Protein backbone atom coordinates (compact mmCIF):
# COMPACT_ATOMS: atom_id res chain seq x y z
CA UNK A 1 18.53 -8.76 4.40
CA UNK A 2 18.93 -5.51 6.41
CA UNK A 3 18.03 -4.08 10.43
CA UNK A 4 15.19 -2.02 8.39
CA UNK A 5 13.11 -5.74 7.64
CA UNK A 6 15.00 -7.99 10.23
CA UNK A 7 11.76 -7.26 12.45
CA UNK A 8 9.04 -8.34 9.68
CA UNK A 9 7.20 -11.26 9.04
CA UNK A 10 8.21 -13.20 6.09
CA UNK A 11 4.21 -11.80 4.53
CA UNK A 12 5.55 -8.19 5.41
CA UNK A 13 8.71 -8.64 4.20
CA UNK A 14 7.08 -9.73 0.56
CA UNK A 15 4.28 -7.07 0.71
CA UNK A 16 7.11 -4.55 1.05
CA UNK A 17 8.86 -6.04 -2.28
CA UNK A 18 5.24 -5.96 -3.81
CA UNK A 19 4.78 -2.44 -3.27
CA UNK A 20 8.21 -1.05 -4.34
CA UNK A 21 7.29 -2.85 -7.15
CA UNK A 22 4.69 -2.78 -9.02
CA UNK A 23 5.68 -1.47 -12.96
CA UNK A 24 4.59 2.03 -12.77
CA UNK A 25 7.47 4.40 -10.64
CA UNK A 26 4.50 6.19 -9.33
CA UNK A 27 2.86 3.87 -6.85
CA UNK A 28 5.76 1.98 -6.41
CA UNK A 29 6.51 5.34 -4.44
CA UNK A 30 2.74 6.06 -3.25
CA UNK A 31 2.61 2.20 -1.65
CA UNK A 32 5.92 1.65 -0.88
CA UNK A 33 5.89 4.44 0.71
CA UNK A 34 2.74 4.17 3.07
CA UNK A 35 4.24 0.36 3.23
CA UNK A 36 8.01 1.72 4.53
CA UNK A 37 5.84 3.67 6.81
CA UNK A 38 3.76 1.41 7.99
CA UNK A 39 3.90 -1.90 7.68
CA UNK A 40 4.99 -3.36 11.13
CA UNK A 41 2.34 -2.09 12.74
CA UNK A 42 -1.01 -3.38 10.63
CA UNK A 43 -2.70 -5.69 11.66
CA UNK A 44 -3.36 -9.01 9.78
CA UNK A 45 -6.82 -7.87 8.67
CA UNK A 46 -5.23 -4.68 7.42
CA UNK A 47 -2.77 -6.98 5.57
CA UNK A 48 -5.58 -8.79 4.17
CA UNK A 49 -6.86 -5.50 2.38
CA UNK A 50 -3.17 -4.81 1.69
CA UNK A 51 -2.74 -7.98 -0.40
CA UNK A 52 -5.98 -7.35 -2.40
CA UNK A 53 -5.78 -4.30 -3.21
CA UNK A 54 -2.45 -5.35 -4.87
CA UNK A 55 -4.10 -7.55 -6.86
CA UNK A 56 -5.49 -4.28 -8.65
CA UNK A 57 -4.29 -2.76 -11.96
CA UNK A 58 -2.07 0.13 -11.92
CA UNK A 59 -4.05 2.25 -14.00
CA UNK A 60 -7.32 1.06 -11.80
CA UNK A 61 -5.69 1.58 -8.69
CA UNK A 62 -3.91 5.34 -8.51
CA UNK A 63 -6.69 7.06 -9.70
CA UNK A 64 -8.88 5.64 -6.89
CA UNK A 65 -5.67 6.47 -4.52
CA UNK A 66 -5.41 10.31 -6.48
CA UNK A 67 -8.79 11.21 -5.84
CA UNK A 68 -9.68 11.66 -9.45
CA UNK A 69 -11.75 8.14 -9.71
CA UNK A 70 -14.23 6.70 -8.01
CA UNK A 71 -13.43 3.58 -5.19
CA UNK A 72 -15.69 0.37 -5.90
CA UNK A 73 -16.90 0.29 -2.13
CA UNK A 74 -15.28 -3.70 -1.62
CA UNK A 75 -11.94 -1.90 -2.08
CA UNK A 76 -13.26 1.54 -0.22
CA UNK A 77 -12.01 0.06 3.81
CA UNK A 78 -10.40 2.16 6.08
CA UNK A 79 -6.96 1.11 5.42
CA UNK A 80 -7.79 2.66 1.43
CA UNK A 81 -8.34 5.38 2.80
CA UNK A 82 -5.45 5.86 5.41
CA UNK A 83 -3.28 5.14 2.14
CA UNK A 84 -4.89 7.86 0.13
CA UNK A 85 -4.65 10.13 2.98
CA UNK A 86 -0.89 9.35 3.33
CA UNK A 87 -0.49 10.00 -0.16
CA UNK A 88 -2.19 13.48 0.16
CA UNK A 89 0.56 14.32 2.91
CA UNK A 90 2.82 12.46 1.71
CA UNK A 91 5.31 11.06 3.17
CA UNK A 92 6.28 12.08 7.67
């Protein structure tokens, strides 16, 4: 276990792993970097939302994040918009 993840609960550790092991390198970078930067501070409700987003296949999710396809209303959440803003601005 690394110092970077020692303070995270198991749910957040699983999300971090899943974010970095999506299947496509582009989504690994988008979600992995976002999760690394924000997972410790996310509320339980935001973690719920992120877990739902993690179930969306990469070919559907990436165009939403890249803003080249419309986001279905049931996925368009404040957390999703936070991910898009992070992606646009790059890691801080």
